[in-house]
């Protein structure tokens, strides 16, 4: 079992930056990927970014490439999402998620991610 606790988020003007962090506890050695998803009002939850927990390979949704950077700190069991050049369309609840080795499927799908944080609101004003 893995528990995830998010921090960061808030209100920022368009063009600004925010940093989200997620602390994992429990069986982190069982993890293959950690990632971030977001859900805007009236929309489905969508993939934002993910990182291979041991190898460090990164993955991004097309609309955030070049603006968002995901990173992890294995010593602290944390994953962070640095969000720059924020746009109003980035407004959503952002969720940290973790996927164990036992689950298969594409990194971009939320289905194989077994563990989820409580979500943190990011609001970008125009």
Foldseek 3Di string as FASTA:
>chain_A
DKAKAKDKADEEAAQAKIKMKIAIDDPPVQFQKKAKWWDAPPGDIWGAKMAGLPPGDIDGDVVQPPFWDWDADPVRRMIMIIGGRDDQVVWTWMKMFTAGPVFDDDPGDPVRTDYIYPTHTHGYHD
